[in-house]
Amino acid sequence: MKKKKGRADGLIEIKVEVGRSLDEKPIRKSFYGHTKKEAADKAKEYMQKRQYGEIDEKITLAEWADKWVITYKSGVRAVTFQKTYRFSIDHIIKPYFKDARLAAIRPIDIQEFFNSNMRYSFMVLQKLKNCLSSMFEAAVENELVYKNPAKKIKVESTATPMKKRAYTEEETIDIISFAKKHKYGVPIILMLKTGLRKSEMLALRWKDIDLKNNTLTVNQSVSEAPGVLEVGKPKTPASMATLPIDDDLKAVLMTIPRNITKYDYVFHKKDGDIMRPDNWVKCQYRKFMKDYKAYYMKEHDGQEPRILTPHELRHTFGSLIYEATRDIHITSRMMRHTSIMTTSKTYVHEQFETKRTAIGKVLAFRS
């Protein structure tokens, strides 16, 4: 037991060795009281709990992770539970730490974990950090560890950020023209003209479309994970909104046969039920793009078109809105971003690159 220390708040601190780290260095826990005896009594109570098994010093990180995720995260959406927590724990965290004792893990061990996983994107690494930090915070509250070793960890990624592509106005006009004649074309037109995510497009119901007032309301989306298909609220509260639709899109929507079923989905399986996003991409989106490529190459002497992902159709919508308005606030609202900073990082950057190109051309002309 170390000598007591005086504190600015008047409490007295004593430190007690409660275990050993992975390299057998002592791990000490602080106890506080208004008197030395009060702090010592708290330390004694803690050590007695350890002695009688009320505090499990032998529990591994893997064991605690399984207990933590069931106890603390069972209330989140099923898809979030599987994709964010269960996947991170089972496929990244547990394989790395294996049978390491929870109480023996120090900040340097957590930092080494992140250093060895820099191949993942920053977003994935940030989710891992949040997961580990929450896990250890709960362990502190349950007196399994004396502090959170994941609290001040630095996260860096060496993964190359995926550059978002977008169709030009000319390309968009061309692909919409082709989509009007293709059996899988309506969803493509809808996404290009409204910026809907595929998860929102597939969850769209006829009652969400007001053809009289030319509006469309986004109020739910479909998510999937292995063994889970879930229809619920969209990605963020900002995603829920009523959007205007133009007469061209209205005319396209009016061509869709409306089958009266209990589901009421605009785009659906044969029985009227909702489609899985992955199945829609595999069975319809890729078929559409394959046919579009064949058409385009025939019309352009063998030149291949750019084939974008469904999310890049949404990005195309945002780019065209920004190019037309040069208003980041309107673009942000139309894209239904939670923060205008999210919009600025993407679309203002693109505009800056356009300005750089223009300056380059002027300087080249002057020289």
Protein backbone atom coordinates (compact mmCIF):
# COMPACT_ATOMS: atom_id res chain seq x y z
CA MET A 1 0.00 0.00 0.00
CA LYS A 2 1.40 3.38 -0.97
CA LYS A 3 1.54 6.40 1.28
CA LYS A 4 -1.58 8.58 1.34
CA LYS A 5 -1.70 11.67 -0.82
CA GLY A 6 -3.42 14.99 -0.14
CA ARG A 7 -5.77 16.33 -2.85
CA ALA A 8 -7.12 19.74 -3.71
CA ASP A 9 -10.67 18.58 -2.96
CA GLY A 10 -9.66 17.52 0.54
CA LEU A 11 -10.00 13.79 -0.11
CA ILE A 12 -7.21 11.43 0.81
CA GLU A 13 -6.00 8.94 -1.80
CA ILE A 14 -4.32 5.64 -1.19
CA LYS A 15 -3.16 3.24 -3.91
CA VAL A 16 -3.28 -0.52 -3.59
CA GLU A 17 -1.72 -3.08 -5.89
CA VAL A 18 -4.64 -5.03 -7.38
CA GLY A 19 -2.89 -7.14 -10.02
CA ARG A 20 -0.16 -7.50 -12.59
CA SER A 21 -0.01 -6.43 -16.23
CA LEU A 22 0.89 -8.63 -19.20
CA ASP A 23 4.57 -7.93 -18.51
CA GLU A 24 4.10 -8.51 -14.75
CA LYS A 25 4.28 -4.85 -13.77
CA PRO A 26 2.09 -3.91 -10.78
CA ILE A 27 -1.38 -2.50 -11.45
CA ARG A 28 -2.57 -0.13 -8.75
CA LYS A 29 -6.07 1.12 -7.98
CA SER A 30 -6.87 4.36 -6.16
CA PHE A 31 -9.30 4.64 -3.24
CA TYR A 32 -10.50 7.93 -1.76
CA GLY A 33 -11.89 9.08 1.58
CA HIS A 34 -12.15 12.08 3.86
CA THR A 35 -9.78 10.28 6.23
CA LYS A 36 -7.02 7.78 5.72
CA LYS A 37 -9.14 5.16 7.52
CA GLU A 38 -12.14 5.75 5.22
CA ALA A 39 -9.96 5.28 2.10
CA ALA A 40 -8.29 2.23 3.64
CA ASP A 41 -11.70 0.70 4.50
CA LYS A 42 -12.77 1.11 0.84
CA ALA A 43 -9.58 -0.59 -0.28
CA LYS A 44 -10.12 -3.40 2.24
CA GLU A 45 -13.73 -3.91 1.08
CA TYR A 46 -12.58 -4.10 -2.53
CA MET A 47 -9.86 -6.65 -1.75
CA GLN A 48 -12.34 -8.77 0.23
CA LYS A 49 -14.72 -8.82 -2.72
CA ARG A 50 -11.84 -10.02 -4.88
CA GLN A 51 -10.98 -12.71 -2.36
CA TYR A 52 -14.52 -14.09 -2.24
CA GLY A 53 -14.96 -13.99 -6.00
CA GLU A 54 -17.31 -11.03 -6.18
CA ILE A 55 -14.76 -9.37 -8.49
CA ASP A 56 -13.52 -11.65 -11.25
CA GLU A 57 -9.89 -10.74 -11.99
CA LYS A 58 -9.51 -13.76 -14.24
CA ILE A 59 -12.17 -12.79 -16.76
CA THR A 60 -10.77 -12.41 -20.26
CA LEU A 61 -11.49 -9.58 -22.66
CA ALA A 62 -13.29 -12.05 -24.93
CA GLU A 63 -15.55 -13.24 -22.11
CA TRP A 64 -16.33 -9.69 -20.98
CA ALA A 65 -16.99 -8.60 -24.57
CA ASP A 66 -19.63 -11.31 -24.99
CA LYS A 67 -21.25 -10.44 -21.67
CA TRP A 68 -21.06 -6.69 -22.30
CA VAL A 69 -22.61 -6.75 -25.75
CA ILE A 70 -25.57 -8.86 -24.63
CA THR A 71 -26.13 -6.84 -21.45
CA TYR A 72 -25.58 -3.32 -22.72
CA LYS A 73 -26.34 -3.44 -26.46
CA SER A 74 -29.28 -5.83 -26.80
CA GLY A 75 -31.63 -2.85 -27.10
CA VAL A 76 -30.13 -1.44 -30.31
CA ARG A 77 -31.49 -2.28 -33.76
CA ALA A 78 -30.84 -5.87 -34.77
CA VAL A 79 -28.82 -4.82 -37.82
CA THR A 80 -26.69 -2.40 -35.77
CA PHE A 81 -26.14 -5.10 -33.15
CA GLN A 82 -24.88 -7.53 -35.79
CA LYS A 83 -22.90 -5.18 -38.05
CA THR A 84 -21.42 -2.74 -35.55
CA TYR A 85 -20.96 -4.75 -32.37
CA ARG A 86 -21.12 -8.48 -32.98
CA PHE A 87 -18.98 -8.33 -36.12
CA SER A 88 -16.35 -6.09 -34.49
CA ILE A 89 -16.10 -8.35 -31.45
CA ASP A 90 -16.14 -11.73 -33.20
CA HIS A 91 -14.01 -10.94 -36.25
CA ILE A 92 -11.54 -8.27 -35.10
CA ILE A 93 -11.31 -7.83 -31.32
CA LYS A 94 -11.47 -11.42 -30.05
CA PRO A 95 -9.08 -12.90 -32.68
CA TYR A 96 -6.46 -10.30 -31.71
CA PHE A 97 -6.66 -10.40 -27.91
CA LYS A 98 -7.49 -14.13 -27.71
CA ASP A 99 -7.31 -15.20 -24.02
CA ALA A 100 -5.82 -11.98 -22.62
CA ARG A 101 -7.14 -11.10 -19.16
CA LEU A 102 -9.29 -7.98 -19.12
CA ALA A 103 -7.49 -6.49 -16.09
CA ALA A 104 -4.07 -7.04 -17.65
CA ILE A 105 -4.71 -4.92 -20.76
CA ARG A 106 -3.04 -1.51 -20.74
CA PRO A 107 -3.28 1.51 -23.08
CA ILE A 108 -0.17 0.37 -24.99
CA ASP A 109 -1.87 -2.97 -25.75
CA ILE A 110 -4.91 -1.15 -27.14
CA GLN A 111 -2.69 1.19 -29.17
CA GLU A 112 -0.80 -1.79 -30.62
CA PHE A 113 -4.15 -3.32 -31.55
CA PHE A 114 -5.08 -0.23 -33.55
CA ASN A 115 -1.61 0.07 -35.06
CA SER A 116 -1.92 -3.49 -36.37
CA ASN A 117 -5.33 -2.75 -37.93
CA MET A 118 -4.55 0.48 -39.77
CA ARG A 119 -5.57 -1.22 -43.03
CA TYR A 120 -9.21 -0.63 -42.08
CA SER A 121 -10.93 2.64 -42.94
CA PHE A 122 -11.00 5.44 -40.39
CA MET A 123 -14.74 4.91 -39.97
CA VAL A 124 -14.28 1.23 -39.08
CA LEU A 125 -11.45 2.05 -36.68
CA GLN A 126 -13.51 4.75 -34.99
CA LYS A 127 -16.34 2.25 -34.47
CA LEU A 128 -13.84 -0.19 -32.97
CA LYS A 129 -12.53 2.49 -30.63
CA ASN A 130 -16.04 3.42 -29.49
CA CYS A 131 -16.84 -0.24 -28.95
CA LEU A 132 -13.70 -0.93 -26.87
CA SER A 133 -13.99 2.30 -24.90
CA SER A 134 -17.62 1.61 -23.97
CA MET A 135 -16.70 -1.96 -23.08
CA PHE A 136 -13.92 -0.88 -20.71
CA GLU A 137 -16.01 1.96 -19.25
CA ALA A 138 -18.60 -0.61 -18.24
CA ALA A 139 -15.81 -2.78 -16.82
CA VAL A 140 -14.66 0.16 -14.68
CA GLU A 141 -18.19 0.67 -13.38
CA ASN A 142 -18.36 -3.04 -12.52
CA GLU A 143 -14.95 -2.87 -10.79
CA LEU A 144 -13.33 -5.34 -13.16
CA VAL A 145 -10.59 -2.88 -14.14
CA TYR A 146 -9.33 0.25 -12.43
CA LYS A 147 -9.35 2.52 -15.50
CA ASN A 148 -10.32 2.63 -19.16
CA PRO A 149 -7.21 1.87 -21.29
CA ALA A 150 -9.00 2.76 -24.56
CA LYS A 151 -9.95 6.30 -23.56
CA LYS A 152 -7.04 8.29 -25.07
CA ILE A 153 -6.05 6.02 -27.94
CA LYS A 154 -5.11 7.62 -31.27
CA VAL A 155 -6.70 6.12 -34.36
CA GLU A 156 -5.02 6.33 -37.77
CA SER A 157 -5.83 4.60 -41.03
CA THR A 158 -3.59 3.79 -43.99
CA ALA A 159 -6.55 2.76 -46.15
CA THR A 160 -6.97 4.83 -49.29
CA PRO A 161 -10.24 6.77 -48.98
CA MET A 162 -12.68 5.82 -51.71
CA LYS A 163 -13.17 8.72 -54.04
CA LYS A 164 -16.84 9.38 -54.70
CA ARG A 165 -17.74 9.61 -58.34
CA ALA A 166 -20.72 11.34 -59.88
CA TYR A 167 -22.34 11.44 -63.30
CA THR A 168 -22.18 14.72 -65.18
CA GLU A 169 -25.42 16.40 -66.21
CA GLU A 170 -25.01 15.01 -69.73
CA GLU A 171 -24.40 11.47 -68.44
CA THR A 172 -27.38 11.75 -66.09
CA ILE A 173 -29.71 12.81 -68.91
CA ASP A 174 -28.48 9.89 -71.03
CA ILE A 175 -28.90 7.24 -68.34
CA ILE A 176 -32.37 8.54 -67.37
CA SER A 177 -33.42 8.39 -71.02
CA PHE A 178 -32.30 4.75 -71.19
CA ALA A 179 -33.89 3.94 -67.83
CA LYS A 180 -37.31 5.06 -69.05
CA LYS A 181 -37.26 2.15 -71.50
CA HIS A 182 -35.81 -0.49 -69.15
CA LYS A 183 -37.93 -2.71 -66.88
CA TYR A 184 -35.60 -2.00 -63.92
CA GLY A 185 -35.15 1.67 -64.73
CA VAL A 186 -37.63 3.44 -62.43
CA PRO A 187 -35.58 3.02 -59.23
CA ILE A 188 -32.56 4.45 -61.07
CA ILE A 189 -34.51 7.54 -62.14
CA LEU A 190 -35.94 7.96 -58.65
CA MET A 191 -32.51 7.84 -56.98
CA LEU A 192 -30.97 10.26 -59.49
CA LYS A 193 -33.83 12.74 -59.10
CA THR A 194 -34.29 12.60 -55.31
CA GLY A 195 -30.99 11.40 -53.82
CA LEU A 196 -32.67 8.52 -51.97
CA ARG A 197 -30.43 5.79 -50.57
CA LYS A 198 -31.22 2.30 -51.87
CA SER A 199 -32.38 1.35 -48.37
CA GLU A 200 -34.90 4.23 -48.44
CA MET A 201 -35.99 3.58 -52.02
CA LEU A 202 -36.82 -0.08 -51.28
CA ALA A 203 -38.79 0.89 -48.16
CA LEU A 204 -40.85 3.47 -50.06
CA ARG A 205 -44.62 2.89 -49.96
CA TRP A 206 -47.36 4.29 -52.14
CA LYS A 207 -48.78 6.17 -49.16
CA ASP A 208 -45.46 8.05 -48.96
CA ILE A 209 -45.99 9.49 -52.46
CA ASP A 210 -48.36 12.41 -53.05
CA LEU A 211 -48.80 12.69 -56.80
CA LYS A 212 -51.36 15.48 -56.38
CA ASN A 213 -48.85 17.79 -54.67
CA ASN A 214 -45.72 16.32 -56.31
CA THR A 215 -44.03 15.25 -53.08
CA LEU A 216 -42.36 12.18 -51.67
CA THR A 217 -41.85 11.51 -47.95
CA VAL A 218 -38.91 9.52 -46.58
CA ASN A 219 -39.83 8.02 -43.23
CA GLN A 220 -38.38 4.51 -43.18
CA SER A 221 -35.57 2.37 -44.60
CA VAL A 222 -34.64 -1.29 -44.82
CA SER A 223 -31.42 -2.67 -43.30
CA GLU A 224 -29.88 -6.10 -43.48
CA ALA A 225 -27.23 -8.19 -41.79
CA PRO A 226 -26.59 -11.95 -41.84
CA GLY A 227 -29.90 -13.51 -40.85
CA VAL A 228 -31.55 -10.12 -40.23
CA LEU A 229 -33.84 -7.96 -42.37
CA GLU A 230 -35.26 -4.92 -40.62
CA VAL A 231 -37.53 -2.08 -41.66
CA GLY A 232 -37.34 0.95 -39.40
CA LYS A 233 -36.50 4.62 -39.25
CA PRO A 234 -33.94 6.03 -41.73
CA LYS A 235 -30.23 6.43 -41.05
CA THR A 236 -30.59 9.66 -39.06
CA PRO A 237 -33.46 11.93 -37.94
CA ALA A 238 -32.38 14.40 -40.64
CA SER A 239 -33.01 11.70 -43.24
CA MET A 240 -36.73 11.88 -42.54
CA ALA A 241 -38.13 14.55 -44.83
CA THR A 242 -40.65 15.41 -47.51
CA LEU A 243 -39.03 16.07 -50.89
CA PRO A 244 -40.38 17.71 -54.04
CA ILE A 245 -40.59 15.65 -57.23
CA ASP A 246 -40.71 17.10 -60.72
CA ASP A 247 -43.33 16.37 -63.38
CA ASP A 248 -40.94 14.05 -65.22
CA LEU A 249 -40.50 11.79 -62.19
CA LYS A 250 -44.22 11.98 -61.46
CA ALA A 251 -44.97 10.72 -64.96
CA VAL A 252 -42.48 7.86 -64.52
CA LEU A 253 -44.01 6.84 -61.18
CA MET A 254 -47.48 6.82 -62.72
CA THR A 255 -46.35 4.11 -65.15
CA ILE A 256 -45.75 1.62 -62.33
CA PRO A 257 -48.58 -0.92 -61.91
CA ARG A 258 -49.85 -0.58 -58.36
CA ASN A 259 -50.62 -3.99 -56.90
CA ILE A 260 -52.85 -3.63 -53.87
CA THR A 261 -51.23 -5.74 -51.16
CA LYS A 262 -50.89 -5.50 -47.39
CA TYR A 263 -47.31 -4.29 -47.87
CA ASP A 264 -47.91 -1.33 -50.22
CA TYR A 265 -44.23 -1.12 -51.29
CA VAL A 266 -43.57 0.68 -54.58
CA PHE A 267 -40.68 -1.68 -55.47
CA HIS A 268 -41.09 -5.20 -54.16
CA LYS A 269 -40.79 -8.94 -54.62
CA LYS A 270 -43.39 -10.91 -56.56
CA ASP A 271 -45.48 -11.41 -53.42
CA GLY A 272 -45.42 -7.68 -52.68
CA ASP A 273 -43.05 -7.97 -49.72
CA ILE A 274 -39.92 -5.86 -49.32
CA MET A 275 -36.76 -6.68 -51.27
CA ARG A 276 -33.37 -7.19 -49.62
CA PRO A 277 -30.97 -4.40 -50.71
CA ASP A 278 -28.27 -6.94 -51.64
CA ASN A 279 -30.72 -8.93 -53.76
CA TRP A 280 -31.91 -5.78 -55.52
CA VAL A 281 -28.31 -4.88 -56.40
CA LYS A 282 -27.49 -8.39 -57.63
CA CYS A 283 -30.69 -9.12 -59.55
CA GLN A 284 -31.82 -5.73 -60.85
CA TYR A 285 -29.21 -2.98 -60.51
CA ARG A 286 -26.37 -4.98 -62.06
CA LYS A 287 -28.68 -6.22 -64.84
CA PHE A 288 -29.68 -2.63 -65.58
CA MET A 289 -26.07 -1.43 -65.70
CA LYS A 290 -25.04 -4.37 -67.88
CA ASP A 291 -27.76 -3.50 -70.39
CA TYR A 292 -26.90 0.20 -70.19
CA LYS A 293 -23.26 -0.58 -70.95
CA ALA A 294 -24.22 -2.60 -74.03
CA TYR A 295 -26.52 0.19 -75.25
CA TYR A 296 -23.93 2.92 -74.62
CA MET A 297 -21.11 1.07 -76.37
CA LYS A 298 -23.33 0.52 -79.40
CA GLU A 299 -24.20 4.22 -79.53
CA HIS A 300 -20.63 5.43 -78.93
CA ASP A 301 -18.47 3.24 -81.19
CA GLY A 302 -17.39 0.80 -78.50
CA GLN A 303 -16.57 3.41 -75.83
CA GLU A 304 -17.50 2.17 -72.36
CA PRO A 305 -19.65 4.26 -70.01
CA ARG A 306 -18.83 4.86 -66.38
CA ILE A 307 -20.72 2.42 -64.17
CA LEU A 308 -21.47 3.92 -60.77
CA THR A 309 -22.68 2.30 -57.56
CA PRO A 310 -26.17 2.95 -56.16
CA HIS A 311 -24.71 5.30 -53.53
CA GLU A 312 -22.93 7.23 -56.28
CA LEU A 313 -26.32 7.90 -57.86
CA ARG A 314 -27.19 9.71 -54.62
CA HIS A 315 -23.86 11.52 -54.82
CA THR A 316 -24.70 12.52 -58.41
CA PHE A 317 -27.93 14.10 -57.19
CA GLY A 318 -26.03 16.13 -54.58
CA SER A 319 -23.41 17.23 -57.09
CA LEU A 320 -26.02 18.39 -59.59
CA ILE A 321 -27.95 20.28 -56.90
CA TYR A 322 -24.79 22.06 -55.79
CA GLU A 323 -23.70 22.86 -59.35
CA ALA A 324 -27.15 24.32 -60.08
CA THR A 325 -27.49 26.39 -56.91
CA ARG A 326 -23.94 26.94 -55.55
CA ASP A 327 -25.78 26.93 -52.21
CA ILE A 328 -24.33 24.51 -49.66
CA HIS A 329 -27.30 25.01 -47.31
CA ILE A 330 -29.87 23.97 -49.91
CA THR A 331 -27.67 21.06 -50.96
CA SER A 332 -27.36 19.91 -47.35
CA ARG A 333 -31.13 20.01 -46.85
CA MET A 334 -31.81 18.18 -50.10
CA MET A 335 -29.23 15.53 -49.23
CA ARG A 336 -30.76 15.32 -45.72
CA HIS A 337 -27.39 15.45 -44.01
CA THR A 338 -27.26 15.73 -40.21
CA SER A 339 -24.61 18.45 -40.39
CA ILE A 340 -23.75 20.98 -43.04
CA MET A 341 -20.10 20.06 -42.41
CA THR A 342 -20.81 16.65 -43.96
CA THR A 343 -22.02 18.38 -47.11
CA SER A 344 -19.16 20.88 -47.17
CA LYS A 345 -16.45 18.23 -46.94
CA THR A 346 -17.67 16.69 -50.18
CA TYR A 347 -19.24 19.32 -52.39
CA VAL A 348 -17.25 22.45 -51.49
CA HIS A 349 -14.07 20.43 -52.02
CA GLU A 350 -15.27 19.50 -55.49
CA GLN A 351 -16.01 23.13 -56.27
CA PHE A 352 -12.53 24.11 -55.05
CA GLU A 353 -10.97 21.59 -57.44
CA THR A 354 -13.03 23.10 -60.25
CA LYS A 355 -11.62 26.52 -59.34
CA ARG A 356 -8.08 25.13 -59.28
CA THR A 357 -8.55 23.72 -62.78
CA ALA A 358 -9.87 27.06 -64.01
CA ILE A 359 -6.89 28.95 -62.54
CA GLY A 360 -4.54 26.47 -64.18
CA LYS A 361 -6.10 27.13 -67.57
CA VAL A 362 -5.83 30.92 -67.10
CA LEU A 363 -2.17 30.73 -66.08
CA ALA A 364 -1.43 28.43 -69.02
CA PHE A 365 -3.10 30.92 -71.37
CA ARG A 366 -1.06 33.85 -69.97
CA SER A 367 2.21 31.98 -70.35
